[in-house]
Amino acid sequence: MAAQLNLGDRVRLRGGGPLMTVHSINGNNIDCQWFTVQGELQAATFPLYMLTIIEGAADDAQGKGKGKKSAVD
């Protein structure tokens, strides 16, 4: 299942929350990093089933796309 994710992919918790970057993949445990509103780097590990891949997130940051969502199953 984690084969659908790659290092550097942008993800978000299925329940919402900040846009995060995949830092490492350990089986079905995904290490993510993100910045808080205050600019502090945060990191946490989440099980794969809790995450949704955010496609086009890099384009969104540059105003080029609408950031289509894709579920990770």
Protein backbone atom coordinates (compact mmCIF):
# COMPACT_ATOMS: atom_id res chain seq x y z
CA MET A 1 0.00 0.00 0.00
CA ALA A 2 2.74 2.46 0.91
CA ALA A 3 4.13 1.91 -2.60
CA GLN A 4 1.56 4.51 -3.73
CA LEU A 5 3.44 7.12 -1.70
CA ASN A 6 6.85 8.53 -2.49
CA LEU A 7 9.25 10.64 -0.48
CA GLY A 8 8.32 14.27 -0.92
CA ASP A 9 4.63 13.60 -1.66
CA ARG A 10 2.20 16.04 -0.07
CA VAL A 11 -0.42 14.50 2.22
CA ARG A 12 -3.07 15.55 4.70
CA LEU A 13 -4.86 13.66 7.46
CA ARG A 14 -8.22 12.33 6.28
CA GLY A 15 -9.84 14.35 9.05
CA GLY A 16 -8.12 17.57 7.93
CA GLY A 17 -5.15 19.45 9.26
CA PRO A 18 -1.98 20.93 7.78
CA LEU A 19 -0.48 20.01 4.45
CA MET A 20 2.46 17.69 5.22
CA THR A 21 5.41 16.28 3.30
CA VAL A 22 6.30 12.56 3.37
CA HIS A 23 9.76 12.37 4.95
CA SER A 24 10.16 8.59 5.13
CA ILE A 25 8.15 5.41 4.70
CA ASN A 26 8.47 2.50 7.12
CA GLY A 27 6.04 -0.18 5.94
CA ASN A 28 2.58 1.26 6.59
CA ASN A 29 3.94 3.96 8.93
CA ILE A 30 4.54 7.28 7.22
CA ASP A 31 6.85 9.90 8.74
CA CYS A 32 5.59 13.38 7.86
CA GLN A 33 6.90 16.91 8.36
CA TRP A 34 5.13 20.27 8.17
CA PHE A 35 5.49 23.86 9.32
CA THR A 36 3.17 25.49 11.83
CA VAL A 37 1.65 28.92 11.22
CA GLN A 38 4.48 30.28 13.38
CA GLY A 39 7.05 28.65 11.06
CA GLU A 40 8.10 25.87 13.43
CA LEU A 41 9.01 22.52 11.86
CA GLN A 42 6.89 19.65 13.21
CA ALA A 43 7.14 15.91 12.59
CA ALA A 44 4.99 12.90 13.37
CA THR A 45 4.39 9.34 12.19
CA PHE A 46 0.95 8.29 10.96
CA PRO A 47 -0.46 4.96 9.78
CA LEU A 48 -1.07 4.97 6.03
CA TYR A 49 -4.86 4.61 6.38
CA MET A 50 -5.04 8.02 8.08
CA LEU A 51 -3.56 9.94 5.12
CA THR A 52 -4.81 11.31 1.82
CA ILE A 53 -2.42 12.20 -1.02
CA ILE A 54 -2.83 15.80 -2.20
CA GLU A 55 -2.09 15.87 -5.92
CA GLY A 56 -0.95 19.13 -7.46
CA ALA A 57 0.00 20.67 -4.10
CA ALA A 58 3.22 22.12 -5.56
CA ASP A 59 1.21 23.69 -8.39
CA ASP A 60 -1.25 25.11 -5.84
CA ALA A 61 1.54 26.84 -3.96
CA GLN A 62 2.50 28.56 -7.22
CA GLY A 63 -1.13 29.30 -8.15
CA LYS A 64 -1.13 26.86 -11.09
CA GLY A 65 -3.66 24.23 -10.02
CA LYS A 66 -6.60 23.39 -7.84
CA GLY A 67 -4.99 20.57 -5.80
CA LYS A 68 -7.00 17.48 -6.66
CA LYS A 69 -7.33 14.99 -3.83
CA SER A 70 -6.66 11.30 -4.20
CA ALA A 71 -7.44 8.71 -1.53
CA VAL A 72 -4.75 6.23 -0.51
CA ASP A 73 -6.33 2.78 -0.26
